[in-house]
Protein backbone atom coordinates (compact mmCIF):
# COMPACT_ATOMS: atom_id res chain seq x y z
CA MET A 1 -62.98 278.30 -95.46
CA LYS A 2 -62.79 280.08 -92.09
CA ARG A 3 -60.26 278.81 -89.57
CA ARG A 4 -62.89 277.61 -87.05
CA THR A 5 -64.91 275.82 -89.76
CA PHE A 6 -61.75 274.22 -91.11
CA ILE A 7 -60.73 272.88 -87.71
CA GLN A 8 -64.19 271.46 -87.07
CA ALA A 9 -64.33 269.87 -90.56
CA THR A 10 -61.09 268.01 -90.05
CA GLY A 11 -62.25 266.32 -86.88
CA GLY A 12 -59.59 267.77 -84.61
CA LEU A 13 -56.73 265.89 -86.31
CA LEU A 14 -54.67 269.06 -86.32
CA PHE A 15 -51.37 270.12 -84.84
CA SER A 16 -49.75 273.48 -84.17
CA GLY A 17 -47.73 275.02 -87.01
CA PHE A 18 -44.09 276.09 -87.04
CA PHE A 19 -43.99 279.40 -88.90
CA LEU A 20 -41.77 282.41 -88.27
CA GLY A 21 -42.02 285.77 -90.01
CA GLY A 22 -44.64 284.47 -92.43
CA GLN A 23 -42.29 281.89 -93.95
CA ALA A 24 -42.95 278.16 -93.83
CA GLN A 25 -40.61 276.35 -91.44
CA GLY A 26 -42.12 272.88 -90.98
CA ARG A 27 -40.48 270.34 -88.67
CA SER A 28 -36.75 270.24 -88.00
CA PRO A 29 -35.24 267.71 -90.41
CA LYS A 30 -32.92 264.95 -89.27
CA GLY A 31 -31.08 264.77 -92.58
CA VAL A 32 -29.60 267.06 -95.25
CA ASN A 33 -31.97 268.69 -97.73
CA GLY A 34 -31.91 266.62 -100.90
CA GLY A 35 -31.01 263.38 -99.12
CA GLY A 36 -34.28 261.54 -99.65
CA PHE A 37 -36.41 264.66 -99.17
CA TYR A 38 -36.35 268.12 -100.72
CA ARG A 39 -37.96 270.92 -98.72
CA PHE A 40 -38.83 274.39 -99.99
CA SER A 41 -41.19 277.20 -99.03
CA LEU A 42 -44.30 278.11 -100.98
CA GLY A 43 -45.60 281.22 -99.27
CA SER A 44 -46.69 280.04 -95.82
CA VAL A 45 -46.58 276.35 -96.82
CA ALA A 46 -43.62 274.07 -96.15
CA ALA A 47 -43.59 271.80 -99.20
CA ILE A 48 -41.49 268.63 -99.28
CA VAL A 49 -40.86 266.27 -102.18
CA LEU A 50 -40.26 262.84 -100.65
CA SER A 51 -38.38 260.19 -102.59
CA ASP A 52 -39.84 256.71 -102.49
CA GLY A 53 -36.64 255.54 -104.17
CA GLN A 54 -35.82 254.46 -107.70
CA SER A 55 -36.43 251.41 -109.83
CA PRO A 56 -33.60 249.23 -111.15
CA PRO A 57 -32.40 250.23 -114.64
CA GLY A 58 -34.75 249.02 -117.36
CA PRO A 59 -35.99 249.78 -120.89
CA LEU A 60 -37.63 253.17 -121.20
CA LEU A 61 -39.39 252.44 -124.48
CA PRO A 62 -42.15 251.75 -125.31
CA ASN A 63 -43.74 252.29 -121.88
CA TRP A 64 -42.71 255.94 -121.44
CA GLY A 65 -43.28 256.82 -125.09
CA ALA A 66 -45.64 254.35 -126.70
CA ASN A 67 -46.55 255.89 -130.09
CA PRO A 68 -45.41 253.29 -132.67
CA GLU A 69 -44.64 255.90 -135.33
CA LEU A 70 -42.41 257.91 -132.96
CA GLN A 71 -40.15 255.19 -131.59
CA GLU A 72 -37.07 256.30 -133.54
CA ALA A 73 -37.66 259.97 -132.71
CA PHE A 74 -38.12 259.06 -129.05
CA ARG A 75 -34.91 257.03 -129.04
CA ARG A 76 -32.97 259.83 -130.71
CA THR A 77 -34.28 262.38 -128.19
CA LEU A 78 -33.34 260.20 -125.23
CA GLU A 79 -29.83 259.60 -126.52
CA GLU A 80 -29.34 263.30 -127.30
CA ASN A 81 -30.17 263.96 -123.65
CA PHE A 82 -27.71 261.32 -122.38
CA LEU A 83 -30.32 258.73 -121.42
CA ASN A 84 -29.86 255.08 -122.32
CA PRO A 85 -33.22 253.88 -123.72
CA GLU A 86 -32.32 250.33 -122.64
CA ALA A 87 -31.33 251.08 -119.04
CA THR A 88 -33.02 254.00 -117.31
CA ARG A 89 -34.11 254.30 -113.68
CA ASN A 90 -37.57 255.49 -112.71
CA ASN A 91 -38.20 257.86 -109.79
CA PHE A 92 -41.14 257.86 -107.37
CA ASN A 93 -41.85 261.22 -105.73
CA PRO A 94 -44.74 261.69 -103.26
CA VAL A 95 -45.24 265.20 -101.85
CA LEU A 96 -45.90 266.45 -98.33
CA LEU A 97 -47.60 269.81 -97.79
CA ASP A 98 -47.24 271.16 -94.26
CA LEU A 99 -49.98 273.78 -93.88
CA GLY A 100 -49.33 274.26 -90.16
CA GLU A 101 -52.78 273.10 -89.06
CA ALA A 102 -52.73 270.12 -91.41
CA ARG A 103 -50.13 267.94 -93.11
CA LEU A 104 -51.23 266.55 -96.45
CA LEU A 105 -49.37 263.65 -98.03
CA VAL A 106 -49.95 263.31 -101.78
CA ASP A 107 -49.59 259.62 -102.75
CA THR A 108 -48.00 256.95 -100.58
CA GLY A 109 -45.39 255.27 -102.77
CA ARG A 110 -44.93 251.58 -103.40
CA GLY A 111 -44.85 250.32 -99.83
CA VAL A 112 -41.92 248.96 -97.84
CA ALA A 113 -42.42 245.40 -99.10
CA ALA A 114 -41.97 246.64 -102.68
CA GLY A 115 -38.80 248.55 -101.85
CA GLY A 116 -40.45 251.87 -101.06
CA ARG A 117 -38.38 254.40 -99.11
CA LEU A 118 -41.12 256.91 -98.29
CA LEU A 119 -41.35 256.20 -94.54
CA ALA A 120 -37.57 256.31 -94.07
CA HIS A 121 -37.30 259.61 -95.90
CA LEU A 122 -40.36 261.02 -94.12
CA GLU A 123 -38.49 260.44 -90.86
CA LEU A 124 -35.37 262.15 -92.22
CA ALA A 125 -37.56 265.14 -93.12
CA GLY A 126 -38.61 265.32 -89.46
CA TYR A 127 -42.07 263.71 -89.57
CA ALA A 128 -43.66 260.52 -88.24
CA PRO A 129 -46.57 258.68 -89.89
CA GLU A 130 -48.79 259.85 -87.02
CA ASP A 131 -48.11 263.47 -88.02
CA ILE A 132 -49.96 263.06 -91.32
CA THR A 133 -53.49 264.45 -91.03
CA HIS A 134 -54.62 263.91 -94.64
CA VAL A 135 -53.62 261.58 -97.48
CA PHE A 136 -54.63 262.45 -101.05
CA LEU A 137 -54.37 259.80 -103.76
CA THR A 138 -53.95 261.06 -107.32
CA HIS A 139 -55.05 257.69 -108.75
CA GLY A 140 -55.19 253.96 -108.06
CA HIS A 141 -51.97 252.60 -109.58
CA PRO A 142 -49.87 250.39 -107.23
CA ASP A 143 -46.88 252.74 -106.99
CA HIS A 144 -49.19 255.46 -105.62
CA ILE A 145 -51.34 253.46 -103.20
CA GLY A 146 -48.94 250.68 -102.17
CA GLY A 147 -47.84 252.50 -99.02
CA LEU A 148 -51.35 253.00 -97.64
CA VAL A 149 -51.06 249.96 -95.36
CA ASP A 150 -48.18 248.18 -93.63
CA GLY A 151 -47.22 244.53 -93.93
CA GLU A 152 -49.99 243.53 -91.52
CA GLY A 153 -52.63 245.43 -93.47
CA ARG A 154 -52.89 248.22 -90.90
CA PRO A 155 -53.16 251.87 -92.02
CA ALA A 156 -49.64 253.25 -92.41
CA PHE A 157 -50.90 256.74 -91.50
CA PRO A 158 -53.28 255.92 -88.66
CA ARG A 159 -54.51 259.42 -87.84
CA ALA A 160 -55.10 260.56 -91.41
CA ALA A 161 -58.27 261.32 -93.31
CA TYR A 162 -58.10 259.80 -96.81
CA LEU A 163 -59.13 261.63 -99.98
CA MET A 164 -59.40 260.50 -103.62
CA GLY A 165 -61.09 261.76 -106.77
CA GLU A 166 -64.63 260.39 -106.98
CA VAL A 167 -64.29 259.10 -110.57
CA ASP A 168 -61.07 257.19 -109.96
CA LEU A 169 -62.23 255.84 -106.59
CA ASP A 170 -65.44 254.54 -108.15
CA TYR A 171 -63.55 252.94 -111.04
CA TRP A 172 -61.02 251.06 -108.91
CA LEU A 173 -63.56 249.84 -106.39
CA LYS A 174 -65.56 248.37 -109.26
CA ASN A 175 -62.44 247.02 -111.02
CA PRO A 176 -60.07 246.14 -108.17
CA SER A 177 -56.47 245.23 -108.93
CA PRO A 178 -54.53 243.17 -106.35
CA ALA A 179 -53.05 246.42 -105.00
CA VAL A 180 -56.50 247.98 -104.69
CA SER A 181 -57.84 244.91 -102.89
CA ARG A 182 -54.94 245.09 -100.44
CA THR A 183 -55.04 248.84 -99.76
CA LEU A 184 -58.09 250.78 -100.92
CA VAL A 185 -60.78 248.21 -100.20
CA PRO A 186 -59.94 247.78 -96.47
CA LEU A 187 -59.90 251.58 -96.05
CA ARG A 188 -63.01 252.22 -98.13
CA GLU A 189 -65.10 253.58 -95.27
CA ARG A 190 -62.37 256.08 -94.40
CA ILE A 191 -61.89 257.45 -97.94
CA ARG A 192 -63.79 260.60 -98.90
CA ALA A 193 -64.53 261.10 -102.60
CA VAL A 194 -63.35 264.47 -103.93
CA ARG A 195 -65.04 266.39 -106.73
CA GLU A 196 -63.31 268.21 -109.58
CA GLY A 197 -62.34 271.74 -108.55
CA GLU A 198 -62.94 271.10 -104.84
CA GLU A 199 -60.77 272.91 -102.28
CA ILE A 200 -59.73 269.99 -100.09
CA LEU A 201 -57.78 272.16 -97.63
CA PRO A 202 -57.26 275.92 -97.54
CA GLY A 203 -55.34 276.85 -100.69
CA VAL A 204 -55.26 273.28 -102.05
CA ARG A 205 -57.58 272.54 -104.98
CA ALA A 206 -58.22 269.27 -106.84
CA VAL A 207 -57.79 269.52 -110.62
CA ALA A 208 -59.22 266.94 -113.01
CA SER A 209 -56.41 265.41 -115.09
CA TYR A 210 -58.13 262.38 -116.61
CA GLY A 211 -56.60 259.98 -119.09
CA HIS A 212 -53.73 258.28 -117.34
CA THR A 213 -56.52 256.64 -115.33
CA PRO A 214 -60.26 257.30 -115.69
CA GLY A 215 -60.37 259.86 -112.87
CA HIS A 216 -56.77 260.92 -112.24
CA MET A 217 -56.57 264.08 -110.10
CA SER A 218 -53.77 266.60 -109.71
CA LEU A 219 -53.49 269.34 -107.09
CA GLU A 220 -52.96 273.08 -107.34
CA VAL A 221 -51.51 274.75 -104.24
CA ALA A 222 -51.62 278.53 -103.75
CA SER A 223 -50.12 280.54 -100.90
CA GLN A 224 -49.23 284.22 -100.66
CA GLY A 225 -49.28 284.70 -104.41
CA GLN A 226 -47.15 281.62 -105.16
CA LYS A 227 -48.37 278.48 -106.93
CA LEU A 228 -47.32 274.85 -107.06
CA PHE A 229 -48.90 272.31 -109.41
CA VAL A 230 -48.61 268.68 -108.26
CA PHE A 231 -49.08 266.61 -111.42
CA GLY A 232 -49.01 263.07 -110.08
CA ASP A 233 -48.70 261.03 -113.30
CA ALA A 234 -50.54 263.54 -115.48
CA ALA A 235 -47.24 265.00 -116.76
CA GLY A 236 -45.89 261.71 -118.14
CA HIS A 237 -42.19 261.65 -119.05
CA TYR A 238 -40.11 264.78 -118.44
CA LEU A 239 -38.63 264.74 -121.95
CA LEU A 240 -40.87 262.80 -124.31
CA SER A 241 -44.28 263.93 -123.05
CA LEU A 242 -43.22 267.57 -123.15
CA ARG A 243 -41.27 267.55 -126.40
CA PHE A 244 -43.86 265.63 -128.42
CA SER A 245 -47.42 266.95 -128.12
CA GLN A 246 -48.92 263.67 -129.38
CA ALA A 247 -46.87 261.39 -127.10
CA TYR A 248 -48.66 258.97 -124.79
CA LEU A 249 -47.52 256.35 -122.29
CA GLY A 250 -48.09 252.63 -122.43
CA PHE A 251 -49.58 253.06 -118.94
CA ASP A 252 -52.17 255.64 -120.06
CA MET A 253 -55.59 253.99 -119.91
CA ASP A 254 -57.24 256.53 -122.25
CA LYS A 255 -54.37 257.65 -124.46
CA ALA A 256 -56.24 260.31 -126.42
CA GLU A 257 -57.60 261.87 -123.23
CA ALA A 258 -54.16 261.78 -121.61
CA VAL A 259 -52.68 263.67 -124.58
CA ARG A 260 -55.41 266.34 -124.38
CA THR A 261 -54.96 266.66 -120.61
CA ARG A 262 -51.19 267.13 -120.88
CA GLY A 263 -51.55 269.75 -123.58
CA ARG A 264 -54.05 271.70 -121.48
CA LEU A 265 -52.09 271.50 -118.24
CA PHE A 266 -48.68 272.21 -119.80
CA GLN A 267 -50.11 275.37 -121.37
CA LYS A 268 -51.66 276.40 -118.04
CA VAL A 269 -48.55 276.03 -115.88
CA ALA A 270 -46.29 277.55 -118.56
CA GLU A 271 -48.47 280.65 -118.82
CA GLU A 272 -48.79 280.95 -115.04
CA ARG A 273 -45.06 280.26 -114.47
CA SER A 274 -46.06 277.94 -111.62
CA LEU A 275 -43.66 275.68 -109.83
CA VAL A 276 -44.43 272.06 -110.73
CA THR A 277 -43.60 268.64 -109.42
CA ALA A 278 -44.40 265.31 -111.06
CA TYR A 279 -44.30 261.83 -109.62
CA HIS A 280 -41.79 260.31 -112.05
CA PHE A 281 -39.66 263.33 -112.97
CA PRO A 282 -35.92 263.19 -112.08
CA TRP A 283 -35.19 263.77 -108.42
CA PRO A 284 -35.94 266.17 -106.77
CA ALA A 285 -38.63 266.64 -109.43
CA LEU A 286 -39.19 270.36 -108.88
CA GLY A 287 -39.06 273.07 -111.51
CA ARG A 288 -41.06 274.91 -114.14
CA ILE A 289 -42.38 274.16 -117.61
CA ARG A 290 -41.89 276.56 -120.49
CA ARG A 291 -42.58 276.67 -124.20
CA GLN A 292 -39.84 275.26 -126.43
CA GLY A 293 -40.56 275.33 -130.16
CA GLU A 294 -43.78 273.43 -130.84
CA GLY A 295 -43.61 271.69 -127.47
CA TYR A 296 -42.44 272.33 -123.93
CA GLU A 297 -39.44 271.68 -121.73
CA PHE A 298 -38.92 271.08 -118.03
CA VAL A 299 -36.52 273.50 -116.32
CA PRO A 300 -35.33 272.16 -112.93
CA ALA A 301 -35.44 274.54 -110.01
CA PHE A 302 -32.11 275.71 -108.60
CA PHE A 303 -31.13 273.22 -105.91
CA GLU A 304 -30.86 274.73 -102.42
CA PHE A 305 -29.43 272.88 -99.44
């Protein structure tokens, strides 16, 4: 998309970028990198993983590995990797992509009322809710859409255009959960349905990753020869879903489809050596996926302050 066309298509909700020497700079943070946000450069894009906090410790099985015949193997794998299957915390990791002319937030966390920390950590990263020009929702589960509105039901990101995969949006509007009724339904007229493979912003493409929900969408970001794959919940658990090719989650709505999707996407990002981030991977949830035996493993990126 040409620059002039892009600016016109986004309705003027654009701000000047902060780039020097071709490297992404983004806004000046108020906190230390890693303290609630983790910022890194992807070509000319300033990418930021934003923590929405963690859950209290709770049982990991069977929700994060639901296959009945694999429960003992799952438990053994968790313990071998120093995780207590009975008391494990869950992470929630939205992503901000600062493209200079646009700032795209991928998922909105649980919401302040549910203990979400996204807005506090967004501020530490140097951004205000009004700075967000686009919000993309990977799917309609409460921990991804809960931060769309504030406690009074007003849009939490008032200047943003809202985007969501057309299949998932259609499903949730026809089958509204309490969270959907509170967040998606009031914003319905402001949400644009996105098609599979569509370039939603320059260098940012929607990738169908169905199974976890009927129309779950991930994002592929490309800039100056570098790639980042934003999985949302399509990656599942960082150990079990990678190690066991047949593993599915208790939360997966179409378990067989989710297994096929993970196998396809894990192979893709491993072959392309892309950076990846996933919504529930351990903070700061950035790294790569590589082949390991008959499965895969997640290799965290080297942490840089």
